[in-house]
C-alpha atoms as a PDB file:
ATOM      1  CA  UNK A   1     138.551 134.242  56.569  1.00  0.00           C
ATOM      2  CA  UNK A   2     135.334 133.757  54.556  1.00  0.00           C
ATOM      3  CA  UNK A   3     136.155 130.050  54.163  1.00  0.00           C
ATOM      4  CA  UNK A   4     136.624 129.676  57.934  1.00  0.00           C
ATOM      5  CA  UNK A   5     133.286 131.365  58.672  1.00  0.00           C
ATOM      6  CA  UNK A   6     131.561 129.271  56.012  1.00  0.00           C
ATOM      7  CA  UNK A   7     133.091 126.042  57.337  1.00  0.00           C
ATOM      8  CA  UNK A   8     132.078 126.895  60.915  1.00  0.00           C
ATOM      9  CA  UNK A   9     128.516 127.685  59.822  1.00  0.00           C
ATOM     10  CA  UNK A  10     128.309 124.427  57.861  1.00  0.00           C
ATOM     11  CA  UNK A  11     129.540 122.404  60.859  1.00  0.00           C
ATOM     12  CA  UNK A  12     126.997 124.075  63.148  1.00  0.00           C
ATOM     13  CA  UNK A  13     124.164 123.369  60.729  1.00  0.00           C
ATOM     14  CA  UNK A  14     125.214 119.735  60.379  1.00  0.00           C
ATOM     15  CA  UNK A  15     125.415 119.276  64.175  1.00  0.00           C
ATOM     16  CA  UNK A  16     121.758 120.240  64.807  1.00  0.00           C
ATOM     17  CA  UNK A  17     120.297 116.909  63.596  1.00  0.00           C
ATOM     18  CA  UNK A  18     122.764 115.000  65.779  1.00  0.00           C
ATOM     19  CA  UNK A  19     121.731 117.016  68.842  1.00  0.00           C
ATOM     20  CA  UNK A  20     118.043 116.560  68.066  1.00  0.00           C
ATOM     21  CA  UNK A  21     118.562 112.847  67.553  1.00  0.00           C
ATOM     22  CA  UNK A  22     120.220 112.495  70.964  1.00  0.00           C
ATOM     23  CA  UNK A  23     117.201 114.133  72.638  1.00  0.00           C
ATOM     24  CA  UNK A  24     114.778 112.037  70.563  1.00  0.00           C
ATOM     25  CA  UNK A  25     115.742 108.733  72.201  1.00  0.00           C
ATOM     26  CA  UNK A  26     114.388 108.620  75.743  1.00  0.00           C
ATOM     27  CA  UNK A  27     115.469 105.961  78.221  1.00  0.00           C
ATOM     28  CA  UNK A  28     111.817 104.965  78.792  1.00  0.00           C
ATOM     29  CA  UNK A  29     108.909 104.883  76.331  1.00  0.00           C
ATOM     30  CA  UNK A  30     108.987 107.041  73.237  1.00  0.00           C
ATOM     31  CA  UNK A  31     107.675 104.270  70.997  1.00  0.00           C
ATOM     32  CA  UNK A  32     110.116 101.570  72.147  1.00  0.00           C
ATOM     33  CA  UNK A  33     108.600  98.080  72.343  1.00  0.00           C
ATOM     34  CA  UNK A  34     110.393  95.456  74.451  1.00  0.00           C
ATOM     35  CA  UNK A  35     111.537  92.391  72.529  1.00  0.00           C
ATOM     36  CA  UNK A  36     109.951  90.142  75.170  1.00  0.00           C
ATOM     37  CA  UNK A  37     108.142  90.219  78.486  1.00  0.00           C
ATOM     38  CA  UNK A  38     109.903  89.881  81.818  1.00  0.00           C
ATOM     39  CA  UNK A  39     111.456  86.631  82.956  1.00  0.00           C
ATOM     40  CA  UNK A  40     110.094  84.906  86.040  1.00  0.00           C
ATOM     41  CA  UNK A  41     111.598  86.663  89.055  1.00  0.00           C
ATOM     42  CA  UNK A  42     114.159  84.482  90.841  1.00  0.00           C
ATOM     43  CA  UNK A  43     115.652  86.782  93.498  1.00  0.00           C
ATOM     44  CA  UNK A  44     114.460  87.861  96.907  1.00  0.00           C
ATOM     45  CA  UNK A  45     111.071  89.539  96.351  1.00  0.00           C
ATOM     46  CA  UNK A  46     110.845  93.293  96.847  1.00  0.00           C
ATOM     47  CA  UNK A  47     107.646  94.047  98.738  1.00  0.00           C
ATOM     48  CA  UNK A  48     105.080  96.205  96.975  1.00  0.00           C
ATOM     49  CA  UNK A  49     104.458  99.051  99.399  1.00  0.00           C
ATOM     50  CA  UNK A  50     102.494 102.297  98.948  1.00  0.00           C
ATOM     51  CA  UNK A  51     105.679 104.389  99.282  1.00  0.00           C
ATOM     52  CA  UNK A  52     107.809 102.389  96.812  1.00  0.00           C
ATOM     53  CA  UNK A  53     109.611 104.509  94.218  1.00  0.00           C
ATOM     54  CA  UNK A  54     110.302 103.443  90.617  1.00  0.00           C
ATOM     55  CA  UNK A  55     112.007 106.640  89.399  1.00  0.00           C
ATOM     56  CA  UNK A  56     115.561 105.945  90.548  1.00  0.00           C
ATOM     57  CA  UNK A  57     116.980 107.747  87.486  1.00  0.00           C
ATOM     58  CA  UNK A  58     116.172 111.283  86.285  1.00  0.00           C
ATOM     59  CA  UNK A  59     113.512 111.229  83.583  1.00  0.00           C
ATOM     60  CA  UNK A  60     112.125 107.834  84.599  1.00  0.00           C
ATOM     61  CA  UNK A  61     108.460 107.589  85.657  1.00  0.00           C
ATOM     62  CA  UNK A  62     107.437 106.730  89.208  1.00  0.00           C
ATOM     63  CA  UNK A  63     105.579 103.670  87.923  1.00  0.00           C
ATOM     64  CA  UNK A  64     106.615 100.208  86.782  1.00  0.00           C
ATOM     65  CA  UNK A  65     108.343 100.702  83.433  1.00  0.00           C
ATOM     66  CA  UNK A  66     110.715  99.162  80.899  1.00  0.00           C
ATOM     67  CA  UNK A  67     114.124 100.715  80.300  1.00  0.00           C
ATOM     68  CA  UNK A  68     114.892 101.010  76.583  1.00  0.00           C
ATOM     69  CA  UNK A  69     118.504  99.923  77.045  1.00  0.00           C
ATOM     70  CA  UNK A  70     118.411  96.211  77.820  1.00  0.00           C
ATOM     71  CA  UNK A  71     114.607  95.925  78.082  1.00  0.00           C
ATOM     72  CA  UNK A  72     114.827  95.805  81.896  1.00  0.00           C
ATOM     73  CA  UNK A  73     111.346  95.547  83.483  1.00  0.00           C
ATOM     74  CA  UNK A  74     111.665  97.873  86.492  1.00  0.00           C
ATOM     75  CA  UNK A  75     109.223  96.909  89.255  1.00  0.00           C
ATOM     76  CA  UNK A  76     108.610  93.321  88.165  1.00  0.00           C
ATOM     77  CA  UNK A  77     110.348  91.967  91.233  1.00  0.00           C
ATOM     78  CA  UNK A  78     107.681  91.295  93.872  1.00  0.00           C
ATOM     79  CA  UNK A  79     107.745  87.525  93.287  1.00  0.00           C
ATOM     80  CA  UNK A  80     105.031  84.931  92.821  1.00  0.00           C
ATOM     81  CA  UNK A  81     103.483  85.404  96.265  1.00  0.00           C
ATOM     82  CA  UNK A  82     102.569  89.090  95.916  1.00  0.00           C
ATOM     83  CA  UNK A  83      99.113  89.282  97.523  1.00  0.00           C
ATOM     84  CA  UNK A  84      98.146  92.237  95.292  1.00  0.00           C
ATOM     85  CA  UNK A  85      97.966  89.898  92.299  1.00  0.00           C
ATOM     86  CA  UNK A  86      96.533  86.768  93.916  1.00  0.00           C
ATOM     87  CA  UNK A  87      93.407  85.415  92.206  1.00  0.00           C
ATOM     88  CA  UNK A  88      91.136  82.727  93.639  1.00  0.00           C
ATOM     89  CA  UNK A  89      89.946  81.875  90.111  1.00  0.00           C
ATOM     90  CA  UNK A  90      92.724  82.575  87.582  1.00  0.00           C
ATOM     91  CA  UNK A  91      91.622  82.721  83.934  1.00  0.00           C
ATOM     92  CA  UNK A  92      87.946  82.776  84.944  1.00  0.00           C
ATOM     93  CA  UNK A  93      87.152  84.528  81.639  1.00  0.00           C
ATOM     94  CA  UNK A  94      89.543  82.371  79.611  1.00  0.00           C
ATOM     95  CA  UNK A  95      92.895  83.162  78.056  1.00  0.00           C
ATOM     96  CA  UNK A  96      93.394  86.151  75.772  1.00  0.00           C
ATOM     97  CA  UNK A  97      93.060  84.781  72.201  1.00  0.00           C
ATOM     98  CA  UNK A  98      94.656  87.822  70.512  1.00  0.00           C
ATOM     99  CA  UNK A  99      98.299  88.372  69.687  1.00  0.00           C
ATOM    100  CA  UNK A 100     100.807  88.677  72.499  1.00  0.00           C
ATOM    101  CA  UNK A 101     104.237  90.248  72.392  1.00  0.00           C
ATOM    102  CA  UNK A 102     106.248  92.687  70.328  1.00  0.00           C
ATOM    103  CA  UNK A 103     104.622  91.907  66.975  1.00  0.00           C
ATOM    104  CA  UNK A 104     101.119  92.807  68.211  1.00  0.00           C
ATOM    105  CA  UNK A 105     100.322  96.460  68.902  1.00  0.00           C
ATOM    106  CA  UNK A 106      96.791  97.239  70.048  1.00  0.00           C
ATOM    107  CA  UNK A 107      95.178 100.692  70.037  1.00  0.00           C
ATOM    108  CA  UNK A 108      92.955 101.447  73.042  1.00  0.00           C
ATOM    109  CA  UNK A 109      89.510 102.608  71.943  1.00  0.00           C
ATOM    110  CA  UNK A 110      87.686 103.326  75.179  1.00  0.00           C
ATOM    111  CA  UNK A 111      87.050 102.809  78.842  1.00  0.00           C
ATOM    112  CA  UNK A 112      89.340 103.292  81.798  1.00  0.00           C
ATOM    113  CA  UNK A 113      91.291 101.227  84.318  1.00  0.00           C
ATOM    114  CA  UNK A 114      88.304  99.236  85.587  1.00  0.00           C
ATOM    115  CA  UNK A 115      87.253  98.203  82.052  1.00  0.00           C
ATOM    116  CA  UNK A 116      88.909  99.053  78.740  1.00  0.00           C
ATOM    117  CA  UNK A 117      88.859  97.545  75.279  1.00  0.00           C
ATOM    118  CA  UNK A 118      90.548  97.198  71.915  1.00  0.00           C
ATOM    119  CA  UNK A 119      89.904  94.917  68.949  1.00  0.00           C
ATOM    120  CA  UNK A 120      86.716  93.580  70.547  1.00  0.00           C
ATOM    121  CA  UNK A 121      88.613  92.351  73.634  1.00  0.00           C
ATOM    122  CA  UNK A 122      87.908  93.609  77.163  1.00  0.00           C
ATOM    123  CA  UNK A 123      90.362  93.930  80.061  1.00  0.00           C
ATOM    124  CA  UNK A 124      90.624  95.470  83.516  1.00  0.00           C
ATOM    125  CA  UNK A 125      93.660  96.802  85.356  1.00  0.00           C
ATOM    126  CA  UNK A 126      94.569  95.215  88.697  1.00  0.00           C
ATOM    127  CA  UNK A 127      93.174  97.504  91.415  1.00  0.00           C
ATOM    128  CA  UNK A 128      96.631  97.829  92.981  1.00  0.00           C
ATOM    129  CA  UNK A 129      97.955  99.234  89.664  1.00  0.00           C
ATOM    130  CA  UNK A 130      95.259 101.899  89.086  1.00  0.00           C
ATOM    131  CA  UNK A 131      97.625 104.698  90.164  1.00  0.00           C
ATOM    132  CA  UNK A 132     100.236 103.624  87.609  1.00  0.00           C
ATOM    133  CA  UNK A 133      98.031 104.347  84.584  1.00  0.00           C
ATOM    134  CA  UNK A 134      96.641 107.814  85.415  1.00  0.00           C
ATOM    135  CA  UNK A 135      98.326 109.317  82.354  1.00  0.00           C
ATOM    136  CA  UNK A 136      97.234 106.652  79.860  1.00  0.00           C
ATOM    137  CA  UNK A 137      95.059 107.847  76.975  1.00  0.00           C
ATOM    138  CA  UNK A 138      92.248 105.282  77.060  1.00  0.00           C
ATOM    139  CA  UNK A 139      90.953 106.230  73.619  1.00  0.00           C
ATOM    140  CA  UNK A 140      94.197 106.282  71.626  1.00  0.00           C
ATOM    141  CA  UNK A 141      97.342 104.877  73.310  1.00  0.00           C
ATOM    142  CA  UNK A 142      98.968 101.810  71.813  1.00  0.00           C
ATOM    143  CA  UNK A 143      99.702  98.899  74.120  1.00  0.00           C
ATOM    144  CA  UNK A 144     101.373  95.522  73.821  1.00  0.00           C
ATOM    145  CA  UNK A 145     100.181  92.569  75.905  1.00  0.00           C
ATOM    146  CA  UNK A 146     102.772  90.251  77.474  1.00  0.00           C
ATOM    147  CA  UNK A 147     102.362  87.137  79.609  1.00  0.00           C
ATOM    148  CA  UNK A 148     103.118  87.641  83.295  1.00  0.00           C
ATOM    149  CA  UNK A 149     105.359  84.722  84.294  1.00  0.00           C
ATOM    150  CA  UNK A 150     104.923  85.304  88.033  1.00  0.00           C
ATOM    151  CA  UNK A 151     101.255  86.100  88.612  1.00  0.00           C
ATOM    152  CA  UNK A 152      98.848  83.437  87.372  1.00  0.00           C
ATOM    153  CA  UNK A 153      95.765  84.873  85.680  1.00  0.00           C
ATOM    154  CA  UNK A 154      97.367  88.235  84.835  1.00  0.00           C
ATOM    155  CA  UNK A 155      98.908  89.752  81.740  1.00  0.00           C
ATOM    156  CA  UNK A 156     101.103  92.851  81.518  1.00  0.00           C
ATOM    157  CA  UNK A 157      99.859  95.731  79.355  1.00  0.00           C
ATOM    158  CA  UNK A 158     102.805  97.845  78.192  1.00  0.00           C
ATOM    159  CA  UNK A 159     102.064 101.421  77.063  1.00  0.00           C
ATOM    160  CA  UNK A 160     104.208 102.128  73.988  1.00  0.00           C
ATOM    161  CA  UNK A 161     104.059 105.926  74.363  1.00  0.00           C
ATOM    162  CA  UNK A 162     104.978 106.065  78.049  1.00  0.00           C
ATOM    163  CA  UNK A 163     107.017 102.897  78.544  1.00  0.00           C
ATOM    164  CA  UNK A 164     105.012 102.002  81.658  1.00  0.00           C
ATOM    165  CA  UNK A 165     103.075  98.814  82.304  1.00  0.00           C
ATOM    166  CA  UNK A 166     100.306  97.494  84.522  1.00  0.00           C
ATOM    167  CA  UNK A 167      98.863  94.086  85.397  1.00  0.00           C
ATOM    168  CA  UNK A 168      95.653  93.395  83.484  1.00  0.00           C
ATOM    169  CA  UNK A 169      93.020  90.679  83.513  1.00  0.00           C
ATOM    170  CA  UNK A 170      91.317  89.458  80.354  1.00  0.00           C
ATOM    171  CA  UNK A 171      87.528  89.834  80.671  1.00  0.00           C
ATOM    172  CA  UNK A 172      86.494  88.292  77.358  1.00  0.00           C
ATOM    173  CA  UNK A 173      85.044  89.447  74.047  1.00  0.00           C
END
């Protein structure tokens, strides 16, 4: 009987790390960095409307985000002609000369959506996306910059902690 109790206790103790590990891998964010940015959208564009929802699954944010499984960019489906991201003068401040993509993590050091910076580079969030970055920590979050294949003049800033992203414009050094 003592062996049975001891074996049961040992199995319970060994199962705790497995349970904790399962909870430690969220479907969005949690330190995951997508292997690449989104592909150019080829389907029928989904209009960007004020009442659009992005949280179709429990635990997903109601903001454009990247799903950990498959690196699916949820919300990057409005197509090239989305008026919210039209610029009369794309790249008016030049192209971002820093590192782009998974191998380049940048720590935010100040500002807010209208003007933020890291590594001596300055950016601003697209006005339409301001509501999608309310929970960003502008003095400490890590982001990764990706090219936006659909909206000329914009980049996508992916928040590593949250798994959400916004359209950003490079403002220079």
